[in-house]
PDB file of N, CA and C in Angstrom:
ATOM      1  N   MET A   1       0.819  -1.193   0.000  1.00  0.00           N
ATOM      2  CA  MET A   1       0.000   0.000   0.000  1.00  0.00           C
ATOM      3  C   MET A   1       0.866   1.261   0.000  1.00  0.00           C
ATOM      4  N   GLN A   2       2.015   1.173   0.710  1.00  0.00           N
ATOM      5  CA  GLN A   2       2.912   2.333   0.747  1.00  0.00           C
ATOM      6  C   GLN A   2       3.452   2.666  -0.640  1.00  0.00           C
ATOM      7  N   VAL A   3       3.730   1.645  -1.424  1.00  0.00           N
ATOM      8  CA  VAL A   3       4.232   1.885  -2.782  1.00  0.00           C
ATOM      9  C   VAL A   3       3.174   2.625  -3.588  1.00  0.00           C
ATOM     10  N   MET A   4       1.929   2.192  -3.499  1.00  0.00           N
ATOM     11  CA  MET A   4       0.840   2.868  -4.222  1.00  0.00           C
ATOM     12  C   MET A   4       0.726   4.322  -3.781  1.00  0.00           C
ATOM     13  N   GLU A   5       0.807   4.562  -2.489  1.00  0.00           N
ATOM     14  CA  GLU A   5       0.720   5.932  -1.987  1.00  0.00           C
ATOM     15  C   GLU A   5       1.846   6.789  -2.538  1.00  0.00           C
ATOM     16  N   ARG A   6       3.073   6.244  -2.572  1.00  0.00           N
ATOM     17  CA  ARG A   6       4.206   6.999  -3.101  1.00  0.00           C
ATOM     18  C   ARG A   6       4.032   7.267  -4.597  1.00  0.00           C
ATOM     19  N   LEU A   7       3.511   6.296  -5.337  1.00  0.00           N
ATOM     20  CA  LEU A   7       3.272   6.502  -6.760  1.00  0.00           C
ATOM     21  C   LEU A   7       2.244   7.614  -6.992  1.00  0.00           C
ATOM     22  N   ILE A   8       1.145   7.575  -6.259  1.00  0.00           N
ATOM     23  CA  ILE A   8       0.091   8.590  -6.394  1.00  0.00           C
ATOM     24  C   ILE A   8       0.646   9.962  -6.021  1.00  0.00           C
ATOM     25  N   GLU A   9       1.410  10.039  -4.914  1.00  0.00           N
ATOM     26  CA  GLU A   9       2.004  11.307  -4.487  1.00  0.00           C
ATOM     27  C   GLU A   9       2.940  11.869  -5.551  1.00  0.00           C
ATOM     28  N   ALA A  10       3.598  10.999  -6.315  1.00  0.00           N
ATOM     29  CA  ALA A  10       4.541  11.429  -7.350  1.00  0.00           C
ATOM     30  C   ALA A  10       3.845  11.759  -8.671  1.00  0.00           C
ATOM     31  N   GLY A  11       2.518  11.642  -8.725  1.00  0.00           N
ATOM     32  CA  GLY A  11       1.781  12.019  -9.924  1.00  0.00           C
ATOM     33  C   GLY A  11       1.416  10.878 -10.857  1.00  0.00           C
ATOM     34  N   PHE A  12       1.686   9.638 -10.454  1.00  0.00           N
ATOM     35  CA  PHE A  12       1.297   8.480 -11.266  1.00  0.00           C
ATOM     36  C   PHE A  12      -0.194   8.220 -11.048  1.00  0.00           C
ATOM     37  N   ARG A  13      -0.883   7.768 -12.101  1.00  0.00           N
ATOM     38  CA  ARG A  13      -2.316   7.486 -12.010  1.00  0.00           C
ATOM     39  C   ARG A  13      -2.607   6.106 -12.585  1.00  0.00           C
ATOM     40  N   PRO A  14      -3.528   5.360 -11.956  1.00  0.00           N
ATOM     41  CA  PRO A  14      -3.899   4.050 -12.507  1.00  0.00           C
ATOM     42  C   PRO A  14      -4.634   4.217 -13.830  1.00  0.00           C
ATOM     43  N   ILE A  15      -4.445   3.255 -14.720  1.00  0.00           N
ATOM     44  CA  ILE A  15      -5.098   3.268 -16.026  1.00  0.00           C
ATOM     45  C   ILE A  15      -5.416   1.815 -16.391  1.00  0.00           C
ATOM     46  N   ALA A  16      -6.557   1.595 -17.005  1.00  0.00           N
ATOM     47  CA  ALA A  16      -6.931   0.248 -17.461  1.00  0.00           C
ATOM     48  C   ALA A  16      -6.519   0.099 -18.920  1.00  0.00           C
ATOM     49  N   ILE A  17      -5.759  -0.955 -19.192  1.00  0.00           N
ATOM     50  CA  ILE A  17      -5.307  -1.223 -20.555  1.00  0.00           C
ATOM     51  C   ILE A  17      -5.553  -2.693 -20.865  1.00  0.00           C
ATOM     52  N   PRO A  18      -6.490  -2.977 -21.769  1.00  0.00           N
ATOM     53  CA  PRO A  18      -6.666  -4.373 -22.182  1.00  0.00           C
ATOM     54  C   PRO A  18      -5.407  -4.824 -22.919  1.00  0.00           C
ATOM     55  N   PRO A  19      -4.924  -5.964 -22.804  1.00  0.00           N
ATOM     56  CA  PRO A  19      -5.386  -7.118 -22.032  1.00  0.00           C
ATOM     57  C   PRO A  19      -4.670  -7.246 -20.682  1.00  0.00           C
ATOM     58  N   TYR A  20      -4.341  -6.132 -20.047  1.00  0.00           N
ATOM     59  CA  TYR A  20      -3.577  -6.147 -18.795  1.00  0.00           C
ATOM     60  C   TYR A  20      -4.465  -5.891 -17.576  1.00  0.00           C
ATOM     61  N   GLU A  21      -5.688  -6.380 -17.602  1.00  0.00           N
ATOM     62  CA  GLU A  21      -6.619  -6.137 -16.505  1.00  0.00           C
ATOM     63  C   GLU A  21      -6.137  -6.707 -15.175  1.00  0.00           C
ATOM     64  N   SER A  22      -5.351  -7.774 -15.206  1.00  0.00           N
ATOM     65  CA  SER A  22      -4.880  -8.379 -13.960  1.00  0.00           C
ATOM     66  C   SER A  22      -3.664  -7.658 -13.390  1.00  0.00           C
ATOM     67  N   ALA A  23      -3.089  -6.739 -14.154  1.00  0.00           N
ATOM     68  CA  ALA A  23      -1.935  -5.966 -13.685  1.00  0.00           C
ATOM     69  C   ALA A  23      -2.401  -4.583 -13.256  1.00  0.00           C
ATOM     70  N   LEU A  24      -1.596  -3.945 -12.451  1.00  0.00           N
ATOM     71  CA  LEU A  24      -1.840  -2.555 -12.085  1.00  0.00           C
ATOM     72  C   LEU A  24      -1.027  -1.706 -13.054  1.00  0.00           C
ATOM     73  N   CYS A  25      -1.710  -1.029 -13.960  1.00  0.00           N
ATOM     74  CA  CYS A  25      -1.026  -0.169 -14.926  1.00  0.00           C
ATOM     75  C   CYS A  25      -1.030   1.247 -14.379  1.00  0.00           C
ATOM     76  N   MET A  26       0.160   1.856 -14.328  1.00  0.00           N
ATOM     77  CA  MET A  26       0.303   3.215 -13.805  1.00  0.00           C
ATOM     78  C   MET A  26       0.839   4.116 -14.907  1.00  0.00           C
ATOM     79  N   ARG A  27       0.185   5.267 -15.052  1.00  0.00           N
ATOM     80  CA  ARG A  27       0.511   6.225 -16.108  1.00  0.00           C
ATOM     81  C   ARG A  27       0.989   7.533 -15.498  1.00  0.00           C
ATOM     82  N   LYS A  28       1.934   8.138 -16.177  1.00  0.00           N
ATOM     83  CA  LYS A  28       2.336   9.505 -15.860  1.00  0.00           C
ATOM     84  C   LYS A  28       2.736  10.139 -17.178  1.00  0.00           C
ATOM     85  N   GLY A  29       2.092  11.234 -17.520  1.00  0.00           N
ATOM     86  CA  GLY A  29       2.323  11.829 -18.826  1.00  0.00           C
ATOM     87  C   GLY A  29       1.859  10.862 -19.898  1.00  0.00           C
ATOM     88  N   GLU A  30       2.722  10.580 -20.847  1.00  0.00           N
ATOM     89  CA  GLU A  30       2.386   9.644 -21.921  1.00  0.00           C
ATOM     90  C   GLU A  30       3.105   8.314 -21.769  1.00  0.00           C
ATOM     91  N   CYS A  31       3.552   8.014 -20.543  1.00  0.00           N
ATOM     92  CA  CYS A  31       4.276   6.770 -20.286  1.00  0.00           C
ATOM     93  C   CYS A  31       3.465   5.885 -19.348  1.00  0.00           C
ATOM     94  N   VAL A  32       3.719   4.577 -19.420  1.00  0.00           N
ATOM     95  CA  VAL A  32       2.947   3.623 -18.639  1.00  0.00           C
ATOM     96  C   VAL A  32       3.829   2.452 -18.231  1.00  0.00           C
ATOM     97  N   ALA A  33       3.472   1.856 -17.090  1.00  0.00           N
ATOM     98  CA  ALA A  33       4.158   0.652 -16.620  1.00  0.00           C
ATOM     99  C   ALA A  33       3.114  -0.299 -16.046  1.00  0.00           C
ATOM    100  N   ALA A  34       3.348  -1.588 -16.249  1.00  0.00           N
ATOM    101  CA  ALA A  34       2.489  -2.628 -15.671  1.00  0.00           C
ATOM    102  C   ALA A  34       3.192  -3.175 -14.438  1.00  0.00           C
ATOM    103  N   LEU A  35       2.473  -3.168 -13.320  1.00  0.00           N
ATOM    104  CA  LEU A  35       3.031  -3.606 -12.043  1.00  0.00           C
ATOM    105  C   LEU A  35       2.253  -4.791 -11.501  1.00  0.00           C
ATOM    106  N   ALA A  36       2.923  -5.567 -10.673  1.00  0.00           N
ATOM    107  CA  ALA A  36       2.283  -6.691  -9.988  1.00  0.00           C
ATOM    108  C   ALA A  36       2.769  -6.695  -8.547  1.00  0.00           C
ATOM    109  N   PRO A  37       1.924  -7.148  -7.634  1.00  0.00           N
ATOM    110  CA  PRO A  37       2.352  -7.211  -6.234  1.00  0.00           C
ATOM    111  C   PRO A  37       3.390  -8.304  -6.016  1.00  0.00           C
ATOM    112  N   VAL A  38       4.266  -8.044  -5.073  1.00  0.00           N
ATOM    113  CA  VAL A  38       5.249  -9.024  -4.623  1.00  0.00           C
ATOM    114  C   VAL A  38       4.879  -9.333  -3.178  1.00  0.00           C
ATOM    115  N   PRO A  39       4.608 -10.594  -2.844  1.00  0.00           N
ATOM    116  CA  PRO A  39       4.204 -10.913  -1.472  1.00  0.00           C
ATOM    117  C   PRO A  39       5.181 -10.354  -0.440  1.00  0.00           C
ATOM    118  N   ASN A  40       4.660  -9.582   0.476  1.00  0.00           N
ATOM    119  CA  ASN A  40       5.422  -8.976   1.576  1.00  0.00           C
ATOM    120  C   ASN A  40       6.556  -8.074   1.111  1.00  0.00           C
ATOM    121  N   ALA A  41       6.503  -7.588  -0.143  1.00  0.00           N
ATOM    122  CA  ALA A  41       7.627  -6.784  -0.622  1.00  0.00           C
ATOM    123  C   ALA A  41       7.229  -5.621  -1.517  1.00  0.00           C
ATOM    124  N   GLY A  42       5.966  -5.290  -1.636  1.00  0.00           N
ATOM    125  CA  GLY A  42       5.585  -4.151  -2.458  1.00  0.00           C
ATOM    126  C   GLY A  42       5.144  -4.531  -3.856  1.00  0.00           C
ATOM    127  N   MET A  43       5.740  -3.871  -4.855  1.00  0.00           N
ATOM    128  CA  MET A  43       5.354  -4.059  -6.253  1.00  0.00           C
ATOM    129  C   MET A  43       6.607  -4.257  -7.101  1.00  0.00           C
ATOM    130  N   LYS A  44       6.394  -4.876  -8.282  1.00  0.00           N
ATOM    131  CA  LYS A  44       7.494  -5.043  -9.237  1.00  0.00           C
ATOM    132  C   LYS A  44       6.980  -4.750 -10.632  1.00  0.00           C
ATOM    133  N   LEU A  45       7.912  -4.393 -11.529  1.00  0.00           N
ATOM    134  CA  LEU A  45       7.568  -4.187 -12.931  1.00  0.00           C
ATOM    135  C   LEU A  45       7.348  -5.535 -13.598  1.00  0.00           C
ATOM    136  N   LEU A  46       6.287  -5.657 -14.379  1.00  0.00           N
ATOM    137  CA  LEU A  46       6.037  -6.881 -15.148  1.00  0.00           C
ATOM    138  C   LEU A  46       6.782  -6.858 -16.478  1.00  0.00           C
ATOM    139  N   ALA A  47       7.029  -5.667 -16.985  1.00  0.00           N
ATOM    140  CA  ALA A  47       7.725  -5.483 -18.257  1.00  0.00           C
ATOM    141  C   ALA A  47       8.333  -4.083 -18.229  1.00  0.00           C
ATOM    142  N   PRO A  48       9.265  -3.807 -19.110  1.00  0.00           N
ATOM    143  CA  PRO A  48       9.829  -2.454 -19.130  1.00  0.00           C
ATOM    144  C   PRO A  48       8.744  -1.410 -19.399  1.00  0.00           C
ATOM    145  N   PRO A  49       8.836  -0.243 -18.755  1.00  0.00           N
ATOM    146  CA  PRO A  49       7.883   0.825 -19.038  1.00  0.00           C
ATOM    147  C   PRO A  49       7.871   1.163 -20.525  1.00  0.00           C
ATOM    148  N   SER A  50       6.757   1.722 -20.964  1.00  0.00           N
ATOM    149  CA  SER A  50       6.543   1.961 -22.387  1.00  0.00           C
ATOM    150  C   SER A  50       5.907   3.323 -22.612  1.00  0.00           C
ATOM    151  N   TYR A  51       5.993   3.793 -23.846  1.00  0.00           N
ATOM    152  CA  TYR A  51       5.320   5.018 -24.260  1.00  0.00           C
ATOM    153  C   TYR A  51       3.921   4.639 -24.745  1.00  0.00           C
ATOM    154  N   LEU A  52       2.931   5.449 -24.419  1.00  0.00           N
ATOM    155  CA  LEU A  52       1.556   5.166 -24.841  1.00  0.00           C
ATOM    156  C   LEU A  52       1.318   5.608 -26.279  1.00  0.00           C
ATOM    157  N   VAL A  53       0.729   4.722 -27.056  1.00  0.00           N
ATOM    158  CA  VAL A  53       0.286   5.040 -28.420  1.00  0.00           C
ATOM    159  C   VAL A  53      -1.177   4.634 -28.489  1.00  0.00           C
ATOM    160  N   ASP A  54      -2.041   5.595 -28.718  1.00  0.00           N
ATOM    161  CA  ASP A  54      -3.491   5.354 -28.732  1.00  0.00           C
ATOM    162  C   ASP A  54      -3.959   4.656 -27.456  1.00  0.00           C
ATOM    163  N   GLY A  55      -3.375   5.022 -26.312  1.00  0.00           N
ATOM    164  CA  GLY A  55      -3.785   4.449 -25.027  1.00  0.00           C
ATOM    165  C   GLY A  55      -3.326   3.032 -24.794  1.00  0.00           C
ATOM    166  N   ASN A  56      -2.346   2.559 -25.557  1.00  0.00           N
ATOM    167  CA  ASN A  56      -1.845   1.187 -25.436  1.00  0.00           C
ATOM    168  C   ASN A  56      -0.327   1.171 -25.312  1.00  0.00           C
ATOM    169  N   PHE A  57       0.187   0.063 -24.754  1.00  0.00           N
ATOM    170  CA  PHE A  57       1.628  -0.123 -24.671  1.00  0.00           C
ATOM    171  C   PHE A  57       2.212  -0.161 -26.077  1.00  0.00           C
ATOM    172  N   SER A  58       3.314   0.516 -26.274  1.00  0.00           N
ATOM    173  CA  SER A  58       3.985   0.481 -27.568  1.00  0.00           C
ATOM    174  C   SER A  58       5.320  -0.244 -27.432  1.00  0.00           C
ATOM    175  N   VAL A  59       5.931  -0.497 -28.553  1.00  0.00           N
ATOM    176  CA  VAL A  59       7.303  -1.003 -28.588  1.00  0.00           C
ATOM    177  C   VAL A  59       8.117  -0.003 -29.390  1.00  0.00           C
ATOM    178  N   LYS A  60       9.377   0.145 -29.010  1.00  0.00           N
ATOM    179  CA  LYS A  60      10.260   1.054 -29.734  1.00  0.00           C
ATOM    180  C   LYS A  60      11.037   0.249 -30.759  1.00  0.00           C
ATOM    181  N   LEU A  61      10.950   0.682 -32.023  1.00  0.00           N
ATOM    182  CA  LEU A  61      11.607  -0.013 -33.123  1.00  0.00           C
ATOM    183  C   LEU A  61      12.476   0.952 -33.916  1.00  0.00           C
ATOM    184  N   LYS A  62      13.500   0.403 -34.541  1.00  0.00           N
ATOM    185  CA  LYS A  62      14.305   1.191 -35.481  1.00  0.00           C
ATOM    186  C   LYS A  62      13.576   1.206 -36.818  1.00  0.00           C
ATOM    187  N   ARG A  63      13.516   2.384 -37.423  1.00  0.00           N
ATOM    188  CA  ARG A  63      12.892   2.512 -38.737  1.00  0.00           C
ATOM    189  C   ARG A  63      13.720   3.512 -39.520  1.00  0.00           C
ATOM    190  N   GLY A  64      14.340   3.043 -40.585  1.00  0.00           N
ATOM    191  CA  GLY A  64      15.193   3.925 -41.374  1.00  0.00           C
ATOM    192  C   GLY A  64      16.360   4.413 -40.530  1.00  0.00           C
ATOM    193  N   ASN A  65      16.533   5.729 -40.485  1.00  0.00           N
ATOM    194  CA  ASN A  65      17.617   6.324 -39.696  1.00  0.00           C
ATOM    195  C   ASN A  65      17.196   6.673 -38.283  1.00  0.00           C
ATOM    196  N   GLY A  66      15.942   6.428 -37.927  1.00  0.00           N
ATOM    197  CA  GLY A  66      15.456   6.816 -36.613  1.00  0.00           C
ATOM    198  C   GLY A  66      14.765   5.678 -35.890  1.00  0.00           C
ATOM    199  N   GLU A  67      14.013   6.049 -34.859  1.00  0.00           N
ATOM    200  CA  GLU A  67      13.255   5.085 -34.071  1.00  0.00           C
ATOM    201  C   GLU A  67      11.823   5.575 -33.948  1.00  0.00           C
ATOM    202  N   ILE A  68      10.920   4.625 -33.728  1.00  0.00           N
ATOM    203  CA  ILE A  68       9.506   4.940 -33.569  1.00  0.00           C
ATOM    204  C   ILE A  68       8.929   4.115 -32.426  1.00  0.00           C
ATOM    205  N   PHE A  69       7.847   4.620 -31.849  1.00  0.00           N
ATOM    206  CA  PHE A  69       7.041   3.858 -30.902  1.00  0.00           C
ATOM    207  C   PHE A  69       5.840   3.350 -31.688  1.00  0.00           C
ATOM    208  N   VAL A  70       5.584   2.037 -31.627  1.00  0.00           N
ATOM    209  CA  VAL A  70       4.538   1.430 -32.455  1.00  0.00           C
ATOM    210  C   VAL A  70       3.554   0.641 -31.604  1.00  0.00           C
ATOM    211  N   TRP A  71       2.270   0.768 -31.947  1.00  0.00           N
ATOM    212  CA  TRP A  71       1.213  -0.107 -31.451  1.00  0.00           C
ATOM    213  C   TRP A  71       0.340  -0.425 -32.657  1.00  0.00           C
ATOM    214  N   LYS A  72       0.252  -1.712 -32.977  1.00  0.00           N
ATOM    215  CA  LYS A  72      -0.444  -2.171 -34.183  1.00  0.00           C
ATOM    216  C   LYS A  72       0.080  -1.388 -35.382  1.00  0.00           C
ATOM    217  N   LYS A  73      -0.780  -0.682 -36.113  1.00  0.00           N
ATOM    218  CA  LYS A  73      -0.320   0.051 -37.303  1.00  0.00           C
ATOM    219  C   LYS A  73      -0.079   1.531 -37.021  1.00  0.00           C
ATOM    220  N   ARG A  74      -0.244   1.933 -35.781  1.00  0.00           N
ATOM    221  CA  ARG A  74      -0.060   3.343 -35.403  1.00  0.00           C
ATOM    222  C   ARG A  74       1.358   3.529 -34.891  1.00  0.00           C
ATOM    223  N   ALA A  75       2.023   4.577 -35.365  1.00  0.00           N
ATOM    224  CA  ALA A  75       3.403   4.832 -34.964  1.00  0.00           C
ATOM    225  C   ALA A  75       3.602   6.302 -34.617  1.00  0.00           C
ATOM    226  N   LEU A  76       4.462   6.541 -33.631  1.00  0.00           N
ATOM    227  CA  LEU A  76       4.877   7.891 -33.259  1.00  0.00           C
ATOM    228  C   LEU A  76       6.392   7.946 -33.342  1.00  0.00           C
ATOM    229  N   ALA A  77       6.917   9.047 -33.828  1.00  0.00           N
ATOM    230  CA  ALA A  77       8.368   9.215 -33.868  1.00  0.00           C
ATOM    231  C   ALA A  77       8.916   9.206 -32.445  1.00  0.00           C
ATOM    232  N   ALA A  78      10.023   8.522 -32.245  1.00  0.00           N
ATOM    233  CA  ALA A  78      10.696   8.512 -30.939  1.00  0.00           C
ATOM    234  C   ALA A  78      11.583   9.754 -30.874  1.00  0.00           C
ATOM    235  N   THR A  79      10.921  10.900 -30.716  1.00  0.00           N
ATOM    236  CA  THR A  79      11.639  12.178 -30.666  1.00  0.00           C
ATOM    237  C   THR A  79      12.499  12.230 -29.414  1.00  0.00           C
ATOM    238  N   PRO A  80      13.512  13.090 -29.406  1.00  0.00           N
ATOM    239  CA  PRO A  80      14.322  13.221 -28.191  1.00  0.00           C
ATOM    240  C   PRO A  80      13.474  13.543 -26.955  1.00  0.00           C
ATOM    241  N   GLU A  81      12.423  14.354 -27.121  1.00  0.00           N
ATOM    242  CA  GLU A  81      11.558  14.704 -25.990  1.00  0.00           C
ATOM    243  C   GLU A  81      10.821  13.472 -25.462  1.00  0.00           C
ATOM    244  N   ARG A  82      10.282  12.657 -26.356  1.00  0.00           N
ATOM    245  CA  ARG A  82       9.558  11.446 -25.943  1.00  0.00           C
ATOM    246  C   ARG A  82      10.504  10.444 -25.289  1.00  0.00           C
ATOM    247  N   VAL A  83      11.679  10.290 -25.852  1.00  0.00           N
ATOM    248  CA  VAL A  83      12.657   9.358 -25.275  1.00  0.00           C
ATOM    249  C   VAL A  83      13.075   9.834 -23.889  1.00  0.00           C
ATOM    250  N   ARG A  84      13.288  11.154 -23.726  1.00  0.00           N
ATOM    251  CA  ARG A  84      13.639  11.703 -22.401  1.00  0.00           C
ATOM    252  C   ARG A  84      12.507  11.487 -21.408  1.00  0.00           C
ATOM    253  N   GLU A  85      11.262  11.701 -21.854  1.00  0.00           N
ATOM    254  CA  GLU A  85      10.108  11.493 -20.976  1.00  0.00           C
ATOM    255  C   GLU A  85      10.057  10.038 -20.500  1.00  0.00           C
ATOM    256  N   LEU A  86      10.268   9.091 -21.406  1.00  0.00           N
ATOM    257  CA  LEU A  86      10.236   7.678 -21.045  1.00  0.00           C
ATOM    258  C   LEU A  86      11.392   7.328 -20.107  1.00  0.00           C
ATOM    259  N   GLU A  87      12.578   7.833 -20.363  1.00  0.00           N
ATOM    260  CA  GLU A  87      13.722   7.550 -19.489  1.00  0.00           C
ATOM    261  C   GLU A  87      13.501   8.120 -18.098  1.00  0.00           C
ATOM    262  N   SER A  88      12.962   9.326 -18.023  1.00  0.00           N
ATOM    263  CA  SER A  88      12.658   9.942 -16.727  1.00  0.00           C
ATOM    264  C   SER A  88      11.604   9.130 -15.981  1.00  0.00           C
ATOM    265  N   PHE A  89      10.580   8.682 -16.703  1.00  0.00           N
ATOM    266  CA  PHE A  89       9.524   7.847 -16.128  1.00  0.00           C
ATOM    267  C   PHE A  89      10.121   6.562 -15.564  1.00  0.00           C
ATOM    268  N   LYS A  90      10.964   5.887 -16.359  1.00  0.00           N
ATOM    269  CA  LYS A  90      11.588   4.630 -15.918  1.00  0.00           C
ATOM    270  C   LYS A  90      12.383   4.836 -14.637  1.00  0.00           C
ATOM    271  N   LYS A  91      13.184   5.885 -14.615  1.00  0.00           N
ATOM    272  CA  LYS A  91      14.025   6.167 -13.445  1.00  0.00           C
ATOM    273  C   LYS A  91      13.160   6.444 -12.213  1.00  0.00           C
ATOM    274  N   GLU A  92      12.143   7.275 -12.374  1.00  0.00           N
ATOM    275  CA  GLU A  92      11.302   7.649 -11.234  1.00  0.00           C
ATOM    276  C   GLU A  92      10.524   6.458 -10.687  1.00  0.00           C
ATOM    277  N   ILE A  93       9.926   5.652 -11.553  1.00  0.00           N
ATOM    278  CA  ILE A  93       9.128   4.524 -11.057  1.00  0.00           C
ATOM    279  C   ILE A  93      10.039   3.484 -10.401  1.00  0.00           C
ATOM    280  N   GLN A  94      11.226   3.269 -10.967  1.00  0.00           N
ATOM    281  CA  GLN A  94      12.165   2.305 -10.386  1.00  0.00           C
ATOM    282  C   GLN A  94      12.606   2.758  -8.996  1.00  0.00           C
ATOM    283  N   GLU A  95      12.878   4.050  -8.836  1.00  0.00           N
ATOM    284  CA  GLU A  95      13.279   4.581  -7.528  1.00  0.00           C
ATOM    285  C   GLU A  95      12.174   4.380  -6.497  1.00  0.00           C
ATOM    286  N   ILE A  96      10.931   4.621  -6.901  1.00  0.00           N
ATOM    287  CA  ILE A  96       9.810   4.441  -5.975  1.00  0.00           C
ATOM    288  C   ILE A  96       9.653   2.965  -5.606  1.00  0.00           C
ATOM    289  N   LEU A  97       9.743   2.075  -6.596  1.00  0.00           N
ATOM    290  CA  LEU A  97       9.578   0.650  -6.325  1.00  0.00           C
ATOM    291  C   LEU A  97      10.698   0.099  -5.456  1.00  0.00           C
ATOM    292  N   GLU A  98      11.896   0.660  -5.568  1.00  0.00           N
ATOM    293  CA  GLU A  98      13.033   0.167  -4.811  1.00  0.00           C
ATOM    294  C   GLU A  98      13.239   0.850  -3.467  1.00  0.00           C
ATOM    295  N   SER A  99      12.494   1.923  -3.204  1.00  0.00           N
ATOM    296  CA  SER A  99      12.677   2.621  -1.938  1.00  0.00           C
ATOM    297  C   SER A  99      12.159   1.770  -0.781  1.00  0.00           C
ATOM    298  N   PRO A 100      12.884   1.795   0.339  1.00  0.00           N
ATOM    299  CA  PRO A 100      12.480   0.959   1.479  1.00  0.00           C
ATOM    300  C   PRO A 100      11.163   1.447   2.081  1.00  0.00           C
ATOM    301  N   PRO A 101      10.406   0.518   2.678  1.00  0.00           N
ATOM    302  CA  PRO A 101       9.137   0.917   3.308  1.00  0.00           C
ATOM    303  C   PRO A 101       9.379   1.864   4.471  1.00  0.00           C
ATOM    304  N   LYS A 102       8.422   2.769   4.650  1.00  0.00           N
ATOM    305  CA  LYS A 102       8.497   3.710   5.794  1.00  0.00           C
ATOM    306  C   LYS A 102       8.115   2.969   7.052  1.00  0.00           C
ATOM    307  N   GLN A 103       8.846   3.264   8.094  1.00  0.00           N
ATOM    308  CA  GLN A 103       8.568   2.609   9.391  1.00  0.00           C
ATOM    309  C   GLN A 103       7.575   3.397  10.198  1.00  0.00           C
TER     310      GLN A 103
END
């Protein structure tokens, strides 16, 4: 519960994303992560955080000379701003998940 409180305090919000109904998906900005509880230990990432494309998890792929975030046939350029946003999101969520419980 403390992990959830820290995530909410940091501006993360729960989001429902099919087919991840059994996971806790947390969004901040245009980034998302799927989390699962760890017995007596808080939460863990189920997969690497991702950039949202049409409200869904995307994958980052190389295309030509650049990179894109893709979900099905929809693609967004992996601009430096988007990549920075995702890296910042990854760092922040990892720090929260790894922080020791408050006594």
